[in-house]
Amino acid sequence: MTFSFHPEAEVEFTEAIDYYEECEQVLGYDFSIEVFTSIKNIANYPNAWPVIEEDIRRCFVNRFPYGIVYSIESDQVFILAVMHLRRHPDYWKKRIS
């Protein structure tokens, strides 16, 4: 199964990489690897993670306080948010079309 990002989710992912890279060299790279590993797992097993609302699911990222919020759109995973877990939990809901 393929995947795509909501434009705002892609921006927050990039900003998180930049933030971690500023904290420590290579940490941004490590973060991106963990996120893409989670996305790969989601693409392979899209129904494995719990539903958090209607048809929206969340998969936690290893090593970092982030979750991937996504929906399954026919044959594609649509990533609504790369969400820091201490951020307001419902901010991504405005991205649902």
Protein backbone atom coordinates (compact mmCIF):
# COMPACT_ATOMS: atom_id res chain seq x y z
CA MET A 1 0.00 0.00 0.00
CA THR A 2 1.27 3.48 -0.80
CA PHE A 3 1.08 6.56 1.39
CA SER A 4 0.78 10.31 1.06
CA PHE A 5 0.95 13.26 3.44
CA HIS A 6 -1.56 15.98 4.06
CA PRO A 7 0.43 19.15 3.19
CA GLU A 8 0.37 20.36 6.81
CA ALA A 9 1.50 16.94 8.06
CA GLU A 10 4.46 17.05 5.71
CA VAL A 11 5.41 20.51 7.01
CA GLU A 12 5.20 19.42 10.66
CA PHE A 13 7.30 16.35 9.86
CA THR A 14 9.99 18.49 8.22
CA GLU A 15 9.91 20.98 11.09
CA ALA A 16 10.33 18.17 13.63
CA ILE A 17 13.34 16.83 11.71
CA ASP A 18 14.87 20.32 11.72
CA TYR A 19 14.19 20.72 15.45
CA TYR A 20 15.86 17.42 16.35
CA GLU A 21 18.78 18.17 14.05
CA GLU A 22 19.31 21.49 15.88
CA CYS A 23 19.26 19.63 19.21
CA GLU A 24 21.90 17.15 18.18
CA GLN A 25 23.53 16.36 14.87
CA VAL A 26 22.08 13.18 13.30
CA LEU A 27 19.10 13.14 15.71
CA GLY A 28 16.88 14.57 12.97
CA TYR A 29 17.97 11.74 10.70
CA ASP A 30 17.22 9.20 13.45
CA PHE A 31 13.77 10.75 13.90
CA SER A 32 13.02 10.55 10.18
CA ILE A 33 14.07 6.89 10.09
CA GLU A 34 11.75 6.07 13.01
CA VAL A 35 8.84 7.91 11.37
CA PHE A 36 9.38 6.20 8.02
CA THR A 37 9.66 2.82 9.77
CA SER A 38 6.28 3.51 11.39
CA ILE A 39 4.82 4.54 8.03
CA LYS A 40 6.17 1.38 6.42
CA ASN A 41 4.54 -0.70 9.17
CA ILE A 42 1.27 1.18 8.68
CA ALA A 43 1.40 0.61 4.91
CA ASN A 44 1.99 -3.12 5.44
CA TYR A 45 -0.63 -3.53 8.21
CA PRO A 46 -2.98 -0.53 7.96
CA ASN A 47 -5.65 -1.96 10.28
CA ALA A 48 -3.24 -2.96 13.06
CA TRP A 49 -3.46 0.28 15.05
CA PRO A 50 -6.42 1.43 17.09
CA VAL A 51 -9.12 3.71 15.78
CA ILE A 52 -9.07 7.01 17.66
CA GLU A 53 -12.05 8.56 15.90
CA GLU A 54 -14.38 7.31 13.14
CA ASP A 55 -11.96 5.87 10.54
CA ILE A 56 -8.84 7.64 11.85
CA ARG A 57 -6.03 5.60 13.42
CA ARG A 58 -2.82 6.40 15.29
CA CYS A 59 0.50 4.58 15.38
CA PHE A 60 3.14 5.59 17.92
CA VAL A 61 6.70 6.26 16.76
CA ASN A 62 9.51 4.42 18.56
CA ARG A 63 12.05 6.46 20.60
CA PHE A 64 10.26 9.80 20.07
CA PRO A 65 7.06 11.27 21.58
CA TYR A 66 5.21 11.29 18.26
CA GLY A 67 2.29 9.52 16.67
CA ILE A 68 1.29 9.09 13.04
CA VAL A 69 -2.39 9.95 12.60
CA TYR A 70 -3.77 8.45 9.40
CA SER A 71 -6.77 7.20 7.49
CA ILE A 72 -7.06 4.47 4.91
CA GLU A 73 -8.25 5.86 1.57
CA SER A 74 -9.07 2.96 -0.81
CA ASP A 75 -5.55 1.64 -1.61
CA GLN A 76 -3.56 4.37 0.12
CA VAL A 77 -2.63 5.49 3.61
CA PHE A 78 -3.29 9.20 4.03
CA ILE A 79 -1.19 10.75 6.81
CA LEU A 80 -3.12 13.54 8.51
CA ALA A 81 -0.52 14.40 11.15
CA VAL A 82 2.93 13.64 12.45
CA MET A 83 1.81 14.66 15.91
CA HIS A 84 3.86 15.46 18.97
CA LEU A 85 2.06 13.62 21.75
CA ARG A 86 2.14 16.62 24.11
CA ARG A 87 0.47 18.90 21.60
CA HIS A 88 -3.26 19.57 21.76
CA PRO A 89 -4.69 16.17 20.75
CA ASP A 90 -7.40 17.41 18.37
CA TYR A 91 -5.54 20.03 16.32
CA TRP A 92 -5.39 17.78 13.24
CA LYS A 93 -9.19 17.33 13.00
CA LYS A 94 -9.54 20.40 10.78
CA ARG A 95 -7.56 18.46 8.15
CA ILE A 96 -10.30 15.91 7.62
CA SER A 97 -12.10 16.58 4.37
